[in-house]
């Protein structure tokens, strides 16, 4: 009975060790999100540390003088490239929110 218990405990420890030492599927990217301070307003994101099939994309919520709102999307880019989203060429259009995503393709 003692040998069976020791074997089971040894297997559990070995399995636990393998689980703890396995690398993550992909590391969390490090991204810098920013926006321009003058019109025409643009949102920017640049990420590093993404997986090979991962891309960064920036989004911006825009508003015109009449209160109409819409969302613009930047281009999906690879590591160390910059995604840019621009609301409009008009200096009267503002930006209310910016965010990014790093989806897998």
N, C-alpha and C. Protein backbone atom coordinates (compact mmCIF):
# COMPACT_ATOMS: atom_id res chain seq x y z
N UNK A 1 0.82 -1.18 0.00
CA UNK A 1 0.00 0.00 0.00
C UNK A 1 0.87 1.25 0.00
N UNK A 2 1.97 1.19 0.73
CA UNK A 2 2.84 2.34 0.83
C UNK A 2 3.47 2.67 -0.53
N UNK A 3 3.87 1.66 -1.28
CA UNK A 3 4.50 1.89 -2.58
C UNK A 3 3.54 2.54 -3.56
N UNK A 4 2.30 2.17 -3.56
CA UNK A 4 1.32 2.75 -4.48
C UNK A 4 1.13 4.23 -4.15
N UNK A 5 1.04 4.55 -2.88
CA UNK A 5 0.87 5.95 -2.48
C UNK A 5 2.09 6.78 -2.89
N UNK A 6 3.29 6.27 -2.68
CA UNK A 6 4.51 6.97 -3.04
C UNK A 6 4.59 7.18 -4.54
N UNK A 7 4.20 6.20 -5.31
CA UNK A 7 4.23 6.30 -6.76
C UNK A 7 3.23 7.37 -7.22
N UNK A 8 2.04 7.38 -6.64
CA UNK A 8 1.03 8.37 -7.01
C UNK A 8 1.50 9.78 -6.61
N UNK A 9 2.06 9.93 -5.45
CA UNK A 9 2.55 11.23 -5.00
C UNK A 9 3.70 11.70 -5.89
N UNK A 10 4.60 10.81 -6.25
CA UNK A 10 5.72 11.15 -7.13
C UNK A 10 5.24 11.58 -8.50
N UNK A 11 4.23 10.92 -9.03
CA UNK A 11 3.67 11.28 -10.33
C UNK A 11 3.00 12.65 -10.26
N UNK A 12 2.29 12.93 -9.19
CA UNK A 12 1.62 14.22 -9.03
C UNK A 12 2.65 15.34 -8.96
N UNK A 13 3.74 15.12 -8.23
CA UNK A 13 4.79 16.13 -8.13
C UNK A 13 5.44 16.34 -9.49
N UNK A 14 5.73 15.27 -10.20
CA UNK A 14 6.35 15.39 -11.52
C UNK A 14 5.42 16.12 -12.48
N UNK A 15 4.15 15.78 -12.47
CA UNK A 15 3.19 16.44 -13.35
C UNK A 15 3.08 17.92 -12.99
N UNK A 16 3.08 18.23 -11.70
CA UNK A 16 3.03 19.62 -11.26
C UNK A 16 4.25 20.38 -11.72
N UNK A 17 5.41 19.76 -11.68
CA UNK A 17 6.64 20.41 -12.12
C UNK A 17 6.59 20.72 -13.61
N UNK A 18 6.09 19.78 -14.38
CA UNK A 18 5.98 20.01 -15.81
C UNK A 18 5.01 21.14 -16.11
N UNK A 19 3.91 21.17 -15.39
CA UNK A 19 2.91 22.21 -15.61
C UNK A 19 3.49 23.59 -15.28
N UNK A 20 4.22 23.72 -14.20
CA UNK A 20 4.76 25.00 -13.77
C UNK A 20 5.87 25.50 -14.69
N UNK A 21 6.61 24.58 -15.28
CA UNK A 21 7.75 25.01 -16.09
C UNK A 21 7.40 25.19 -17.56
N UNK A 22 6.17 24.84 -17.97
CA UNK A 22 5.79 25.00 -19.37
C UNK A 22 5.67 26.49 -19.71
N UNK A 23 6.19 26.92 -20.86
CA UNK A 23 6.10 28.33 -21.22
C UNK A 23 4.68 28.70 -21.61
N UNK A 24 4.35 29.98 -21.49
CA UNK A 24 3.04 30.47 -21.89
C UNK A 24 2.90 30.37 -23.41
N UNK A 25 1.67 30.29 -23.89
CA UNK A 25 1.41 30.19 -25.33
C UNK A 25 1.97 31.42 -26.06
N UNK A 26 1.77 32.59 -25.52
CA UNK A 26 2.38 33.81 -26.04
C UNK A 26 2.38 34.86 -24.94
N UNK A 27 3.40 35.67 -24.96
CA UNK A 27 3.54 36.71 -23.93
C UNK A 27 2.58 37.85 -24.21
N UNK A 28 2.23 38.58 -23.18
CA UNK A 28 1.37 39.74 -23.34
C UNK A 28 2.19 40.86 -23.98
N UNK A 29 1.68 41.46 -25.05
CA UNK A 29 2.44 42.53 -25.71
C UNK A 29 2.51 43.79 -24.86
N UNK A 30 3.52 44.59 -25.13
CA UNK A 30 3.66 45.89 -24.49
C UNK A 30 3.30 46.92 -25.56
N UNK A 31 2.27 47.74 -25.26
CA UNK A 31 1.77 48.69 -26.25
C UNK A 31 1.77 50.11 -25.69
N UNK A 32 2.02 51.06 -26.58
CA UNK A 32 1.97 52.48 -26.23
C UNK A 32 0.82 53.09 -27.04
N UNK A 33 -0.17 53.63 -26.34
CA UNK A 33 -1.35 54.23 -26.95
C UNK A 33 -1.26 55.75 -26.75
N UNK A 34 -1.46 56.52 -27.81
CA UNK A 34 -1.40 57.97 -27.69
C UNK A 34 -2.31 58.62 -28.72
N UNK A 35 -2.49 59.94 -28.59
CA UNK A 35 -3.26 60.68 -29.59
C UNK A 35 -2.64 62.05 -29.79
N UNK A 36 -2.94 62.64 -30.94
CA UNK A 36 -2.43 63.97 -31.23
C UNK A 36 -3.16 65.00 -30.37
N UNK A 37 -2.50 66.11 -30.13
CA UNK A 37 -3.10 67.15 -29.28
C UNK A 37 -3.76 68.26 -30.09
N UNK A 38 -3.55 68.26 -31.40
CA UNK A 38 -4.13 69.28 -32.27
C UNK A 38 -4.89 68.62 -33.42
N UNK A 39 -5.88 69.34 -33.95
CA UNK A 39 -6.63 68.85 -35.11
C UNK A 39 -5.73 68.89 -36.35
N UNK A 40 -5.90 67.98 -37.28
CA UNK A 40 -6.85 66.87 -37.27
C UNK A 40 -6.38 65.77 -36.31
N UNK A 41 -7.30 65.29 -35.48
CA UNK A 41 -6.96 64.36 -34.42
C UNK A 41 -6.70 62.95 -34.94
N UNK A 42 -5.65 62.33 -34.38
CA UNK A 42 -5.27 60.97 -34.75
C UNK A 42 -4.99 60.18 -33.48
N UNK A 43 -5.27 58.89 -33.51
CA UNK A 43 -4.93 57.97 -32.43
C UNK A 43 -3.84 57.04 -32.94
N UNK A 44 -2.91 56.67 -32.04
CA UNK A 44 -1.77 55.84 -32.42
C UNK A 44 -1.61 54.70 -31.43
N UNK A 45 -1.18 53.54 -31.92
CA UNK A 45 -0.73 52.47 -31.03
C UNK A 45 0.46 51.78 -31.70
N UNK A 46 1.45 51.46 -30.87
CA UNK A 46 2.63 50.72 -31.33
C UNK A 46 2.93 49.66 -30.27
N UNK A 47 3.01 48.40 -30.69
CA UNK A 47 3.21 47.29 -29.76
C UNK A 47 4.47 46.50 -30.08
N UNK A 48 5.03 45.92 -29.04
CA UNK A 48 6.15 44.99 -29.20
C UNK A 48 5.84 43.75 -28.36
N UNK A 49 6.50 42.67 -28.66
CA UNK A 49 6.32 41.44 -27.90
C UNK A 49 5.08 40.65 -28.29
N UNK A 50 4.50 40.94 -29.46
CA UNK A 50 3.33 40.19 -29.91
C UNK A 50 3.76 38.87 -30.52
N UNK A 51 2.85 37.91 -30.52
CA UNK A 51 3.09 36.62 -31.17
C UNK A 51 3.18 36.85 -32.68
N UNK A 52 3.74 35.88 -33.39
CA UNK A 52 3.95 36.02 -34.83
C UNK A 52 2.65 36.32 -35.59
N UNK A 53 1.56 35.70 -35.16
CA UNK A 53 0.28 35.88 -35.87
C UNK A 53 -0.62 36.93 -35.20
N UNK A 54 -0.06 37.71 -34.31
CA UNK A 54 -0.83 38.72 -33.60
C UNK A 54 -0.63 40.08 -34.26
N UNK A 55 -1.65 40.90 -34.24
CA UNK A 55 -1.58 42.24 -34.83
C UNK A 55 -2.12 43.27 -33.85
N UNK A 56 -1.71 44.51 -34.00
CA UNK A 56 -2.22 45.62 -33.19
C UNK A 56 -3.09 46.49 -34.08
N UNK A 57 -4.20 46.97 -33.53
CA UNK A 57 -5.07 47.87 -34.27
C UNK A 57 -5.64 48.90 -33.30
N UNK A 58 -5.66 50.17 -33.72
CA UNK A 58 -6.14 51.27 -32.88
C UNK A 58 -7.53 51.70 -33.35
N UNK A 59 -8.35 52.14 -32.39
CA UNK A 59 -9.70 52.62 -32.67
C UNK A 59 -9.87 53.99 -32.03
N UNK A 60 -10.73 54.82 -32.63
CA UNK A 60 -11.03 56.14 -32.07
C UNK A 60 -12.51 56.45 -32.26
N UNK A 61 -13.13 56.98 -31.22
CA UNK A 61 -14.50 57.48 -31.32
C UNK A 61 -14.40 58.98 -31.64
N UNK A 62 -15.16 59.41 -32.63
CA UNK A 62 -15.09 60.78 -33.12
C UNK A 62 -16.45 61.46 -32.96
N UNK A 63 -16.44 62.79 -32.91
CA UNK A 63 -17.68 63.56 -32.80
C UNK A 63 -17.54 64.84 -33.62
N UNK A 64 -18.62 65.19 -34.36
CA UNK A 64 -18.60 66.43 -35.12
C UNK A 64 -19.34 67.53 -34.36
N UNK A 65 -19.33 68.76 -34.86
CA UNK A 65 -19.97 69.87 -34.13
C UNK A 65 -21.47 69.67 -33.87
N UNK A 66 -22.13 68.85 -34.66
CA UNK A 66 -23.58 68.61 -34.47
C UNK A 66 -23.85 67.48 -33.47
N UNK A 67 -22.80 66.84 -33.00
CA UNK A 67 -22.95 65.75 -32.04
C UNK A 67 -23.00 64.36 -32.65
N UNK A 68 -22.85 64.27 -33.97
CA UNK A 68 -22.83 62.95 -34.63
C UNK A 68 -21.54 62.24 -34.22
N UNK A 69 -21.66 60.96 -33.86
CA UNK A 69 -20.49 60.18 -33.45
C UNK A 69 -20.27 58.99 -34.37
N UNK A 70 -19.02 58.56 -34.48
CA UNK A 70 -18.65 57.38 -35.25
C UNK A 70 -17.31 56.88 -34.77
N UNK A 71 -16.98 55.68 -35.18
CA UNK A 71 -15.71 55.04 -34.80
C UNK A 71 -14.86 54.82 -36.04
N UNK A 72 -13.58 55.15 -35.95
CA UNK A 72 -12.63 54.88 -37.03
C UNK A 72 -11.63 53.84 -36.55
N UNK A 73 -11.11 53.07 -37.49
CA UNK A 73 -10.21 51.97 -37.19
C UNK A 73 -8.91 52.14 -37.96
N UNK A 74 -7.78 51.92 -37.28
CA UNK A 74 -6.48 51.95 -37.93
C UNK A 74 -6.18 50.63 -38.63
N UNK A 75 -5.08 50.60 -39.33
CA UNK A 75 -4.63 49.40 -40.03
C UNK A 75 -4.07 48.39 -39.02
N UNK A 76 -4.28 47.09 -39.26
CA UNK A 76 -3.67 46.05 -38.42
C UNK A 76 -2.19 45.98 -38.76
N UNK A 77 -1.35 46.05 -37.71
CA UNK A 77 0.10 46.10 -37.94
C UNK A 77 0.83 45.05 -37.09
N UNK A 78 2.05 44.72 -37.53
CA UNK A 78 2.91 43.75 -36.84
C UNK A 78 3.69 44.45 -35.72
N UNK A 79 4.55 43.68 -35.05
CA UNK A 79 5.43 44.21 -34.00
C UNK A 79 6.18 45.45 -34.47
N UNK A 80 6.26 46.42 -33.57
CA UNK A 80 7.04 47.64 -33.76
C UNK A 80 6.59 48.50 -34.95
N UNK A 81 5.38 48.27 -35.43
CA UNK A 81 4.79 49.13 -36.46
C UNK A 81 3.69 49.93 -35.79
N UNK A 82 3.33 51.07 -36.38
CA UNK A 82 2.34 51.95 -35.77
C UNK A 82 1.01 51.89 -36.53
N UNK A 83 -0.06 51.68 -35.78
CA UNK A 83 -1.42 51.75 -36.33
C UNK A 83 -1.94 53.16 -36.03
N UNK A 84 -2.57 53.77 -37.05
CA UNK A 84 -3.05 55.15 -36.92
C UNK A 84 -4.51 55.20 -37.35
N UNK A 85 -5.34 55.87 -36.56
CA UNK A 85 -6.74 56.11 -36.91
C UNK A 85 -6.97 57.62 -36.86
N UNK A 86 -7.51 58.18 -37.94
CA UNK A 86 -7.77 59.62 -38.01
C UNK A 86 -9.27 59.85 -38.15
N UNK A 87 -9.80 60.74 -37.32
CA UNK A 87 -11.23 61.03 -37.36
C UNK A 87 -11.63 61.72 -38.65
N UNK A 88 -10.95 62.80 -39.00
CA UNK A 88 -11.32 63.61 -40.16
C UNK A 88 -10.21 64.60 -40.43
N UNK A 89 -10.24 65.18 -41.63
CA UNK A 89 -9.31 66.28 -41.93
C UNK A 89 -9.82 67.60 -41.36
N UNK A 90 -11.09 67.64 -40.99
CA UNK A 90 -11.69 68.87 -40.48
C UNK A 90 -11.18 69.21 -39.07
N UNK A 91 -10.80 70.46 -38.84
CA UNK A 91 -10.37 70.86 -37.49
C UNK A 91 -11.54 70.95 -36.50
N UNK A 92 -12.78 70.84 -37.00
CA UNK A 92 -13.97 70.92 -36.15
C UNK A 92 -14.43 69.57 -35.61
N UNK A 93 -13.75 68.51 -36.00
CA UNK A 93 -14.11 67.16 -35.54
C UNK A 93 -13.20 66.78 -34.38
N UNK A 94 -13.81 66.32 -33.29
CA UNK A 94 -13.05 65.94 -32.10
C UNK A 94 -12.97 64.43 -31.91
N UNK A 95 -12.18 64.04 -30.94
CA UNK A 95 -11.99 62.63 -30.60
C UNK A 95 -12.38 62.47 -29.13
N UNK A 96 -13.29 61.52 -28.86
CA UNK A 96 -13.78 61.36 -27.49
C UNK A 96 -13.16 60.18 -26.75
N UNK A 97 -12.70 59.16 -27.48
CA UNK A 97 -12.12 57.99 -26.82
C UNK A 97 -11.20 57.27 -27.79
N UNK A 98 -10.15 56.64 -27.25
CA UNK A 98 -9.25 55.81 -28.07
C UNK A 98 -8.97 54.52 -27.33
N UNK A 99 -8.76 53.44 -28.07
CA UNK A 99 -8.40 52.15 -27.49
C UNK A 99 -7.76 51.29 -28.57
N UNK A 100 -7.24 50.14 -28.17
CA UNK A 100 -6.61 49.24 -29.13
C UNK A 100 -6.94 47.79 -28.78
N UNK A 101 -6.71 46.92 -29.75
CA UNK A 101 -6.83 45.48 -29.56
C UNK A 101 -5.63 44.82 -30.19
N UNK A 102 -5.31 43.62 -29.74
CA UNK A 102 -4.21 42.85 -30.31
C UNK A 102 -4.70 41.46 -30.67
N UNK A 103 -5.56 41.34 -31.69
CA UNK A 103 -6.12 40.04 -32.07
C UNK A 103 -5.12 39.15 -32.79
N UNK A 104 -5.39 37.86 -32.76
CA UNK A 104 -4.64 36.89 -33.55
C UNK A 104 -5.27 36.86 -34.94
N UNK A 105 -4.46 36.63 -35.96
CA UNK A 105 -5.02 36.52 -37.32
C UNK A 105 -4.99 35.08 -37.77
